[in-house]
């Protein structure tokens, strides 16, 4: 039986991460193992200054910060690729290895794609018989469509509140 493979896309700050976070809560409440990771903003004095990556139920690390001057950059942020890989790659491996798990990947975007190992891991995850919901940065979407077969859903202010429940029903059916 083929499992759902879904990519959520939207402009920044539309609610992709919120959808993933709420979906994870619904799945865990239904006793479904959740594997993967969340990317969230790091805020100081009310301003976004970076991004954190956190494995569901596991380790977390700052993966990008505006004050970092070394390493690759995406926009105003310096990106710590090794810190990202230390969290994301084992999280994907655990998603592949955990029977009955749903993989939630937040997100596949320019920062994450700086890791040469990340996209091949994502391709393997989407090729496996594992249900996957991933958020995809709008700029990354065209390049991914040729590598990953998945249903594409655009998150909007009109559907973002209902989307976690809709996806939860699909993933637990």
N, C-alpha and C. Protein backbone atom coordinates (compact mmCIF):
# COMPACT_ATOMS: atom_id res chain seq x y z
N UNK A 1 0.84 -1.18 0.00
CA UNK A 1 0.00 0.00 0.00
C UNK A 1 0.89 1.25 0.00
N UNK A 2 0.58 2.18 -0.86
CA UNK A 2 1.35 3.41 -0.95
C UNK A 2 0.92 4.38 0.14
N UNK A 3 1.87 5.01 0.76
CA UNK A 3 1.60 5.96 1.84
C UNK A 3 1.54 7.38 1.28
N UNK A 4 0.80 8.28 1.95
CA UNK A 4 0.73 9.66 1.48
C UNK A 4 2.10 10.35 1.53
N UNK A 5 2.40 11.06 0.48
CA UNK A 5 3.60 11.91 0.39
C UNK A 5 3.12 13.30 0.02
N UNK A 6 3.30 14.25 0.93
CA UNK A 6 2.73 15.59 0.78
C UNK A 6 3.80 16.63 1.01
N UNK A 7 3.83 17.63 0.14
CA UNK A 7 4.68 18.80 0.34
C UNK A 7 3.77 20.01 0.54
N UNK A 8 4.02 20.74 1.62
CA UNK A 8 3.29 21.97 1.91
C UNK A 8 4.16 23.14 1.51
N UNK A 9 3.62 24.07 0.77
CA UNK A 9 4.37 25.25 0.37
C UNK A 9 3.55 26.49 0.68
N UNK A 10 4.22 27.61 0.80
CA UNK A 10 3.56 28.90 1.06
C UNK A 10 4.65 29.95 1.18
N UNK A 11 4.28 31.20 1.06
CA UNK A 11 5.25 32.26 1.33
C UNK A 11 5.70 32.19 2.79
N UNK A 12 6.87 32.75 3.11
CA UNK A 12 7.32 32.77 4.50
C UNK A 12 6.26 33.42 5.40
N UNK A 13 6.20 32.91 6.63
CA UNK A 13 5.34 33.44 7.69
C UNK A 13 3.84 33.24 7.42
N UNK A 14 3.52 32.22 6.61
CA UNK A 14 2.11 31.91 6.33
C UNK A 14 1.57 30.88 7.31
N UNK A 15 2.44 30.07 7.91
CA UNK A 15 1.99 29.09 8.90
C UNK A 15 2.38 27.66 8.61
N UNK A 16 3.37 27.43 7.74
CA UNK A 16 3.78 26.05 7.42
C UNK A 16 4.26 25.32 8.67
N UNK A 17 5.12 25.95 9.46
CA UNK A 17 5.64 25.31 10.67
C UNK A 17 4.53 25.07 11.68
N UNK A 18 3.60 26.01 11.79
CA UNK A 18 2.48 25.84 12.71
C UNK A 18 1.63 24.64 12.30
N UNK A 19 1.41 24.47 11.01
CA UNK A 19 0.65 23.30 10.53
C UNK A 19 1.37 22.01 10.94
N UNK A 20 2.69 21.96 10.73
CA UNK A 20 3.47 20.76 11.09
C UNK A 20 3.42 20.52 12.60
N UNK A 21 3.59 21.56 13.38
CA UNK A 21 3.58 21.42 14.85
C UNK A 21 2.22 20.88 15.32
N UNK A 22 1.13 21.45 14.80
CA UNK A 22 -0.21 20.99 15.22
C UNK A 22 -0.50 19.58 14.71
N UNK A 23 -0.04 19.27 13.51
CA UNK A 23 -0.20 17.91 12.98
C UNK A 23 0.53 16.91 13.88
N UNK A 24 1.74 17.24 14.30
CA UNK A 24 2.50 16.35 15.19
C UNK A 24 1.75 16.11 16.49
N UNK A 25 1.15 17.17 17.05
CA UNK A 25 0.38 17.01 18.29
C UNK A 25 -0.81 16.08 18.08
N UNK A 26 -1.53 16.24 16.96
CA UNK A 26 -2.68 15.38 16.68
C UNK A 26 -2.26 13.92 16.48
N UNK A 27 -1.17 13.70 15.77
CA UNK A 27 -0.69 12.34 15.53
C UNK A 27 -0.26 11.68 16.83
N UNK A 28 0.50 12.41 17.65
CA UNK A 28 0.94 11.84 18.94
C UNK A 28 -0.26 11.53 19.83
N UNK A 29 -1.29 12.38 19.80
CA UNK A 29 -2.49 12.13 20.59
C UNK A 29 -3.20 10.86 20.12
N UNK A 30 -3.00 10.49 18.85
CA UNK A 30 -3.59 9.26 18.29
C UNK A 30 -2.61 8.08 18.39
N UNK A 31 -1.53 8.25 19.18
CA UNK A 31 -0.51 7.22 19.39
C UNK A 31 0.22 6.82 18.11
N UNK A 32 0.38 7.78 17.19
CA UNK A 32 1.16 7.54 15.97
C UNK A 32 2.57 8.06 16.21
N UNK A 33 3.60 7.23 16.01
CA UNK A 33 4.97 7.72 16.18
C UNK A 33 5.28 8.81 15.15
N UNK A 34 5.83 9.93 15.64
CA UNK A 34 6.20 11.05 14.79
C UNK A 34 7.72 11.15 14.77
N UNK A 35 8.28 11.17 13.58
CA UNK A 35 9.73 11.33 13.42
C UNK A 35 9.98 12.48 12.46
N UNK A 36 11.17 13.05 12.54
CA UNK A 36 11.52 14.17 11.69
C UNK A 36 11.93 15.36 12.53
N UNK A 37 11.73 16.57 11.99
CA UNK A 37 12.19 17.75 12.70
C UNK A 37 11.38 18.99 12.34
N UNK A 38 11.46 19.96 13.25
CA UNK A 38 10.86 21.28 13.08
C UNK A 38 11.97 22.30 12.93
N UNK A 39 11.75 23.30 12.10
CA UNK A 39 12.61 24.48 12.04
C UNK A 39 11.79 25.64 12.59
N UNK A 40 12.36 26.37 13.52
CA UNK A 40 11.61 27.46 14.12
C UNK A 40 12.48 28.70 14.22
N UNK A 41 11.82 29.84 14.32
CA UNK A 41 12.54 31.10 14.43
C UNK A 41 13.22 31.23 15.78
N UNK A 42 14.38 31.89 15.78
CA UNK A 42 15.02 32.37 17.00
C UNK A 42 14.74 33.86 17.03
N UNK A 43 14.13 34.32 18.11
CA UNK A 43 13.75 35.73 18.19
C UNK A 43 14.45 36.39 19.37
N UNK A 44 14.89 37.62 19.15
CA UNK A 44 15.48 38.44 20.21
C UNK A 44 14.85 39.82 20.12
N UNK A 45 14.37 40.33 21.25
CA UNK A 45 13.66 41.62 21.29
C UNK A 45 12.59 41.71 20.21
N UNK A 46 11.86 40.61 20.00
CA UNK A 46 10.76 40.61 19.05
C UNK A 46 11.14 40.51 17.59
N UNK A 47 12.45 40.40 17.31
CA UNK A 47 12.89 40.32 15.91
C UNK A 47 13.48 38.95 15.63
N UNK A 48 13.22 38.44 14.42
CA UNK A 48 13.81 37.16 14.02
C UNK A 48 15.29 37.38 13.74
N UNK A 49 16.13 36.58 14.43
CA UNK A 49 17.57 36.70 14.26
C UNK A 49 18.20 35.40 13.79
N UNK A 50 17.39 34.34 13.69
CA UNK A 50 17.97 33.07 13.27
C UNK A 50 16.92 31.98 13.24
N UNK A 51 17.45 30.74 13.08
CA UNK A 51 16.58 29.57 13.01
C UNK A 51 17.16 28.43 13.82
N UNK A 52 16.26 27.72 14.50
CA UNK A 52 16.60 26.55 15.32
C UNK A 52 16.04 25.33 14.61
N UNK A 53 16.73 24.21 14.72
CA UNK A 53 16.20 22.93 14.26
C UNK A 53 16.05 22.03 15.47
N UNK A 54 14.92 21.31 15.53
CA UNK A 54 14.66 20.43 16.67
C UNK A 54 14.04 19.13 16.19
N UNK A 55 14.68 18.03 16.54
CA UNK A 55 14.10 16.72 16.23
C UNK A 55 12.90 16.51 17.15
N UNK A 56 11.83 15.92 16.60
CA UNK A 56 10.68 15.61 17.44
C UNK A 56 11.14 14.69 18.57
N UNK A 57 10.96 15.14 19.80
CA UNK A 57 11.34 14.36 20.96
C UNK A 57 12.83 14.19 21.14
N UNK A 58 13.63 15.07 20.51
CA UNK A 58 15.07 14.87 20.59
C UNK A 58 15.87 16.16 20.66
N UNK A 59 17.04 16.10 20.11
CA UNK A 59 18.02 17.18 20.21
C UNK A 59 17.59 18.40 19.38
N UNK A 60 18.18 19.55 19.73
CA UNK A 60 17.96 20.75 18.96
C UNK A 60 19.25 21.56 18.89
N UNK A 61 19.30 22.44 17.90
CA UNK A 61 20.49 23.28 17.72
C UNK A 61 20.11 24.51 16.91
N UNK A 62 20.84 25.60 17.13
CA UNK A 62 20.69 26.78 16.28
C UNK A 62 21.41 26.45 14.97
N UNK A 63 20.71 26.59 13.85
CA UNK A 63 21.32 26.27 12.55
C UNK A 63 21.65 27.50 11.73
N UNK A 64 21.08 28.64 12.08
CA UNK A 64 21.37 29.87 11.34
C UNK A 64 21.16 31.06 12.27
N UNK A 65 22.01 32.07 12.09
CA UNK A 65 21.90 33.27 12.92
C UNK A 65 22.43 34.47 12.15
N UNK A 66 21.78 35.61 12.35
CA UNK A 66 22.18 36.83 11.65
C UNK A 66 23.56 37.32 12.10
N UNK A 67 23.99 36.98 13.30
CA UNK A 67 25.27 37.48 13.81
C UNK A 67 26.47 36.64 13.36
N UNK A 68 26.22 35.48 12.77
CA UNK A 68 27.33 34.61 12.36
C UNK A 68 27.96 35.15 11.08
N UNK A 69 29.29 35.24 11.10
CA UNK A 69 29.99 35.79 9.93
C UNK A 69 30.71 34.72 9.12
N UNK A 70 30.95 33.56 9.70
CA UNK A 70 31.65 32.51 8.94
C UNK A 70 30.63 31.52 8.38
N UNK A 71 31.08 30.76 7.40
CA UNK A 71 30.23 29.73 6.80
C UNK A 71 29.35 30.31 5.71
N UNK A 72 28.55 29.44 5.08
CA UNK A 72 27.69 29.89 3.99
C UNK A 72 26.58 30.80 4.51
N UNK A 73 26.06 31.64 3.63
CA UNK A 73 25.00 32.58 3.99
C UNK A 73 23.77 32.37 3.12
N UNK A 74 22.62 32.55 3.72
CA UNK A 74 21.35 32.64 3.01
C UNK A 74 20.70 33.92 3.49
N UNK A 75 20.60 34.89 2.62
CA UNK A 75 20.12 36.20 3.02
C UNK A 75 21.04 36.79 4.06
N UNK A 76 20.46 37.26 5.15
CA UNK A 76 21.28 37.88 6.20
C UNK A 76 21.81 36.87 7.21
N UNK A 77 21.53 35.57 7.01
CA UNK A 77 21.86 34.56 8.01
C UNK A 77 23.09 33.75 7.64
N UNK A 78 24.00 33.58 8.60
CA UNK A 78 25.05 32.59 8.47
C UNK A 78 24.46 31.24 8.85
N UNK A 79 24.83 30.19 8.10
CA UNK A 79 24.24 28.86 8.31
C UNK A 79 25.31 27.90 8.80
N UNK A 80 25.01 27.19 9.88
CA UNK A 80 25.90 26.17 10.43
C UNK A 80 25.42 24.82 9.90
N UNK A 81 25.96 24.44 8.74
CA UNK A 81 25.53 23.20 8.09
C UNK A 81 25.79 21.97 8.97
N UNK A 82 26.96 21.85 9.63
CA UNK A 82 27.17 20.67 10.50
C UNK A 82 26.14 20.57 11.63
N UNK A 83 25.73 21.70 12.21
CA UNK A 83 24.72 21.65 13.28
C UNK A 83 23.39 21.16 12.71
N UNK A 84 23.03 21.64 11.52
CA UNK A 84 21.80 21.18 10.87
C UNK A 84 21.88 19.68 10.61
N UNK A 85 22.98 19.21 10.04
CA UNK A 85 23.12 17.79 9.70
C UNK A 85 23.10 16.90 10.94
N UNK A 86 23.66 17.39 12.04
CA UNK A 86 23.72 16.61 13.28
C UNK A 86 22.31 16.28 13.79
N UNK A 87 21.33 17.15 13.51
CA UNK A 87 19.95 16.92 13.94
C UNK A 87 19.13 16.26 12.83
N UNK A 88 19.18 16.83 11.62
CA UNK A 88 18.27 16.44 10.54
C UNK A 88 18.54 15.05 9.99
N UNK A 89 19.79 14.72 9.74
CA UNK A 89 20.08 13.44 9.07
C UNK A 89 19.70 12.24 9.94
N UNK A 90 20.07 12.22 11.22
CA UNK A 90 19.61 11.09 12.06
C UNK A 90 18.09 11.07 12.22
N UNK A 91 17.45 12.25 12.22
CA UNK A 91 15.99 12.29 12.35
C UNK A 91 15.33 11.61 11.15
N UNK A 92 15.87 11.85 9.95
CA UNK A 92 15.33 11.21 8.75
C UNK A 92 15.59 9.70 8.81
N UNK A 93 16.79 9.32 9.23
CA UNK A 93 17.10 7.90 9.36
C UNK A 93 16.14 7.21 10.33
N UNK A 94 15.81 7.87 11.45
CA UNK A 94 14.87 7.29 12.42
C UNK A 94 13.47 7.19 11.82
N UNK A 95 13.10 8.16 10.98
CA UNK A 95 11.79 8.10 10.32
C UNK A 95 11.71 6.87 9.41
N UNK A 96 12.81 6.58 8.73
CA UNK A 96 12.84 5.41 7.85
C UNK A 96 12.83 4.11 8.63
N UNK A 97 13.39 4.11 9.84
CA UNK A 97 13.57 2.88 10.60
C UNK A 97 12.43 2.58 11.58
N UNK A 98 11.57 3.54 11.87
CA UNK A 98 10.54 3.36 12.88
C UNK A 98 9.26 2.85 12.25
N UNK A 99 8.89 1.64 12.59
CA UNK A 99 7.68 1.03 12.02
C UNK A 99 6.45 1.85 12.44
N UNK A 100 5.62 2.16 11.46
CA UNK A 100 4.38 2.88 11.71
C UNK A 100 4.52 4.38 11.90
N UNK A 101 5.74 4.90 11.73
CA UNK A 101 5.95 6.34 11.96
C UNK A 101 5.48 7.17 10.78
N UNK A 102 5.13 8.41 11.09
CA UNK A 102 4.89 9.44 10.09
C UNK A 102 6.09 10.37 10.15
N UNK A 103 6.66 10.68 8.98
CA UNK A 103 7.80 11.59 8.90
C UNK A 103 7.29 13.00 8.63
N UNK A 104 7.68 13.94 9.50
CA UNK A 104 7.36 15.35 9.32
C UNK A 104 8.69 16.10 9.17
N UNK A 105 8.86 16.77 8.04
CA UNK A 105 10.11 17.46 7.73
C UNK A 105 9.80 18.95 7.53
N UNK A 106 10.33 19.79 8.40
CA UNK A 106 10.10 21.23 8.34
C UNK A 106 11.44 21.95 8.37
N UNK A 107 12.06 22.32 7.33
CA UNK A 107 11.56 22.43 5.99
C UNK A 107 12.64 22.02 5.02
N UNK A 108 12.28 21.94 3.75
CA UNK A 108 13.26 21.74 2.68
C UNK A 108 13.38 23.10 1.99
N UNK A 109 14.43 23.82 2.33
CA UNK A 109 14.61 25.17 1.81
C UNK A 109 16.06 25.48 1.54
N UNK A 110 16.35 26.72 1.17
CA UNK A 110 17.72 27.09 0.79
C UNK A 110 18.77 26.80 1.86
N UNK A 111 18.44 27.04 3.13
CA UNK A 111 19.42 26.77 4.19
C UNK A 111 19.70 25.28 4.31
N UNK A 112 18.63 24.50 4.33
CA UNK A 112 18.77 23.05 4.49
C UNK A 112 19.48 22.42 3.30
N UNK A 113 19.22 22.95 2.12
CA UNK A 113 19.83 22.39 0.90
C UNK A 113 21.31 22.71 0.77
N UNK A 114 21.85 23.51 1.70
CA UNK A 114 23.31 23.71 1.73
C UNK A 114 24.02 22.43 2.14
N UNK A 115 23.30 21.53 2.79
CA UNK A 115 23.85 20.22 3.17
C UNK A 115 23.84 19.31 1.96
N UNK A 116 25.01 18.83 1.52
CA UNK A 116 25.02 17.93 0.36
C UNK A 116 24.34 16.59 0.63
N UNK A 117 24.22 16.20 1.89
CA UNK A 117 23.61 14.90 2.23
C UNK A 117 22.10 14.99 2.40
N UNK A 118 21.56 16.20 2.56
CA UNK A 118 20.16 16.35 2.93
C UNK A 118 19.20 15.97 1.80
N UNK A 119 19.36 16.52 0.61
CA UNK A 119 18.42 16.23 -0.47
C UNK A 119 18.39 14.74 -0.81
N UNK A 120 19.54 14.05 -0.94
CA UNK A 120 19.46 12.60 -1.18
C UNK A 120 18.69 11.86 -0.09
N UNK A 121 18.83 12.28 1.18
CA UNK A 121 18.08 11.65 2.27
C UNK A 121 16.59 11.90 2.10
N UNK A 122 16.23 13.12 1.70
CA UNK A 122 14.81 13.44 1.47
C UNK A 122 14.25 12.63 0.31
N UNK A 123 15.01 12.51 -0.76
CA UNK A 123 14.57 11.72 -1.91
C UNK A 123 14.33 10.28 -1.48
N UNK A 124 15.24 9.71 -0.67
CA UNK A 124 15.08 8.34 -0.18
C UNK A 124 13.85 8.23 0.71
N UNK A 125 13.60 9.23 1.53
CA UNK A 125 12.44 9.21 2.42
C UNK A 125 11.15 9.21 1.61
N UNK A 126 11.07 10.08 0.60
CA UNK A 126 9.87 10.14 -0.23
C UNK A 126 9.71 8.90 -1.10
N UNK A 127 10.79 8.21 -1.39
CA UNK A 127 10.71 6.98 -2.19
C UNK A 127 10.30 5.78 -1.35
N UNK A 128 10.43 5.89 -0.03
CA UNK A 128 10.11 4.77 0.87
C UNK A 128 8.60 4.69 1.10
N UNK A 129 8.18 3.58 1.65
CA UNK A 129 6.77 3.38 1.98
C UNK A 129 6.50 3.93 3.38
N UNK A 130 6.79 5.21 3.54
CA UNK A 130 6.62 5.91 4.81
C UNK A 130 5.76 7.14 4.52
N UNK A 131 4.72 7.39 5.30
CA UNK A 131 3.97 8.63 5.08
C UNK A 131 4.85 9.83 5.43
N UNK A 132 4.84 10.83 4.56
CA UNK A 132 5.70 12.00 4.73
C UNK A 132 4.89 13.26 4.49
N UNK A 133 5.07 14.23 5.38
CA UNK A 133 4.59 15.59 5.14
C UNK A 133 5.80 16.49 5.35
N UNK A 134 6.14 17.27 4.33
CA UNK A 134 7.30 18.16 4.40
C UNK A 134 6.89 19.56 3.98
N UNK A 135 7.45 20.55 4.64
CA UNK A 135 7.26 21.91 4.17
C UNK A 135 8.40 22.24 3.21
N UNK A 136 8.05 23.00 2.20
CA UNK A 136 9.00 23.31 1.14
C UNK A 136 8.98 24.81 0.89
N UNK A 137 10.15 25.41 0.97
CA UNK A 137 10.27 26.83 0.64
C UNK A 137 9.86 27.04 -0.80
N UNK A 138 9.11 28.10 -1.07
CA UNK A 138 8.61 28.33 -2.43
C UNK A 138 9.73 28.36 -3.47
N UNK A 139 10.88 28.91 -3.12
CA UNK A 139 11.99 28.99 -4.09
C UNK A 139 12.58 27.61 -4.36
N UNK A 140 12.44 26.67 -3.43
CA UNK A 140 13.00 25.33 -3.61
C UNK A 140 12.06 24.42 -4.38
N UNK A 141 10.80 24.77 -4.42
CA UNK A 141 9.78 23.89 -4.97
C UNK A 141 10.05 23.43 -6.41
N UNK A 142 10.40 24.32 -7.36
CA UNK A 142 10.60 23.84 -8.74
C UNK A 142 11.70 22.78 -8.86
N UNK A 143 12.80 22.95 -8.16
CA UNK A 143 13.90 21.98 -8.24
C UNK A 143 13.51 20.65 -7.62
N UNK A 144 12.66 20.67 -6.59
CA UNK A 144 12.27 19.44 -5.91
C UNK A 144 11.25 18.64 -6.69
N UNK A 145 10.39 19.32 -7.44
CA UNK A 145 9.32 18.61 -8.14
C UNK A 145 9.85 17.55 -9.09
N UNK A 146 11.02 17.77 -9.66
CA UNK A 146 11.58 16.77 -10.58
C UNK A 146 12.24 15.61 -9.83
N UNK A 147 12.53 15.78 -8.55
CA UNK A 147 13.23 14.75 -7.76
C UNK A 147 12.32 13.99 -6.81
N UNK A 148 11.23 14.62 -6.40
CA UNK A 148 10.36 14.06 -5.37
C UNK A 148 8.93 14.04 -5.89
N UNK A 149 8.30 12.87 -5.80
CA UNK A 149 6.91 12.75 -6.20
C UNK A 149 6.04 12.88 -4.95
N UNK A 150 5.22 13.95 -4.95
CA UNK A 150 4.36 14.20 -3.79
C UNK A 150 3.22 15.11 -4.21
N UNK A 151 2.15 15.04 -3.44
CA UNK A 151 1.05 15.98 -3.63
C UNK A 151 1.48 17.32 -3.06
N UNK A 152 1.27 18.39 -3.81
CA UNK A 152 1.65 19.73 -3.38
C UNK A 152 0.41 20.47 -2.89
N UNK A 153 0.46 20.95 -1.66
CA UNK A 153 -0.64 21.72 -1.07
C UNK A 153 -0.09 23.08 -0.66
N UNK A 154 -0.77 24.14 -1.08
CA UNK A 154 -0.37 25.49 -0.68
C UNK A 154 -1.10 25.87 0.59
N UNK A 155 -0.33 26.24 1.62
CA UNK A 155 -0.90 26.70 2.89
C UNK A 155 -1.31 28.16 2.70
N UNK A 156 -2.55 28.45 3.10
CA UNK A 156 -3.06 29.82 3.00
C UNK A 156 -3.67 30.21 4.35
N UNK A 157 -3.91 31.50 4.56
CA UNK A 157 -4.62 31.89 5.78
C UNK A 157 -6.01 31.24 5.88
N UNK A 158 -6.58 30.86 4.75
CA UNK A 158 -7.92 30.26 4.75
C UNK A 158 -7.92 28.77 5.11
N UNK A 159 -6.82 28.03 4.81
CA UNK A 159 -6.83 26.58 5.07
C UNK A 159 -5.90 26.15 6.21
N UNK A 160 -5.06 27.04 6.71
CA UNK A 160 -4.02 26.60 7.65
C UNK A 160 -4.55 26.09 8.98
N UNK A 161 -5.72 26.57 9.42
CA UNK A 161 -6.25 26.10 10.71
C UNK A 161 -6.86 24.71 10.59
N UNK A 162 -7.48 24.39 9.45
CA UNK A 162 -8.12 23.09 9.24
C UNK A 162 -7.12 22.04 8.73
N UNK A 163 -6.05 22.49 8.10
CA UNK A 163 -5.10 21.57 7.45
C UNK A 163 -4.52 20.51 8.39
N UNK A 164 -4.13 20.84 9.62
CA UNK A 164 -3.61 19.76 10.49
C UNK A 164 -4.63 18.64 10.70
N UNK A 165 -5.88 18.98 10.92
CA UNK A 165 -6.92 17.96 11.12
C UNK A 165 -7.13 17.15 9.84
N UNK A 166 -7.19 17.83 8.71
CA UNK A 166 -7.39 17.15 7.43
C UNK A 166 -6.24 16.17 7.17
N UNK A 167 -5.01 16.63 7.36
CA UNK A 167 -3.85 15.75 7.15
C UNK A 167 -3.81 14.64 8.18
N UNK A 168 -4.18 14.95 9.42
CA UNK A 168 -4.20 13.92 10.46
C UNK A 168 -5.14 12.79 10.11
N UNK A 169 -6.33 13.14 9.60
CA UNK A 169 -7.28 12.10 9.19
C UNK A 169 -6.72 11.26 8.06
N UNK A 170 -6.09 11.90 7.10
CA UNK A 170 -5.49 11.19 5.96
C UNK A 170 -4.38 10.23 6.43
N UNK A 171 -3.57 10.68 7.36
CA UNK A 171 -2.41 9.90 7.79
C UNK A 171 -2.76 8.78 8.77
N UNK A 172 -3.93 8.86 9.40
CA UNK A 172 -4.32 7.82 10.36
C UNK A 172 -5.40 6.91 9.81
N UNK A 173 -5.80 7.13 8.56
CA UNK A 173 -6.87 6.31 7.95
C UNK A 173 -6.37 4.89 7.68
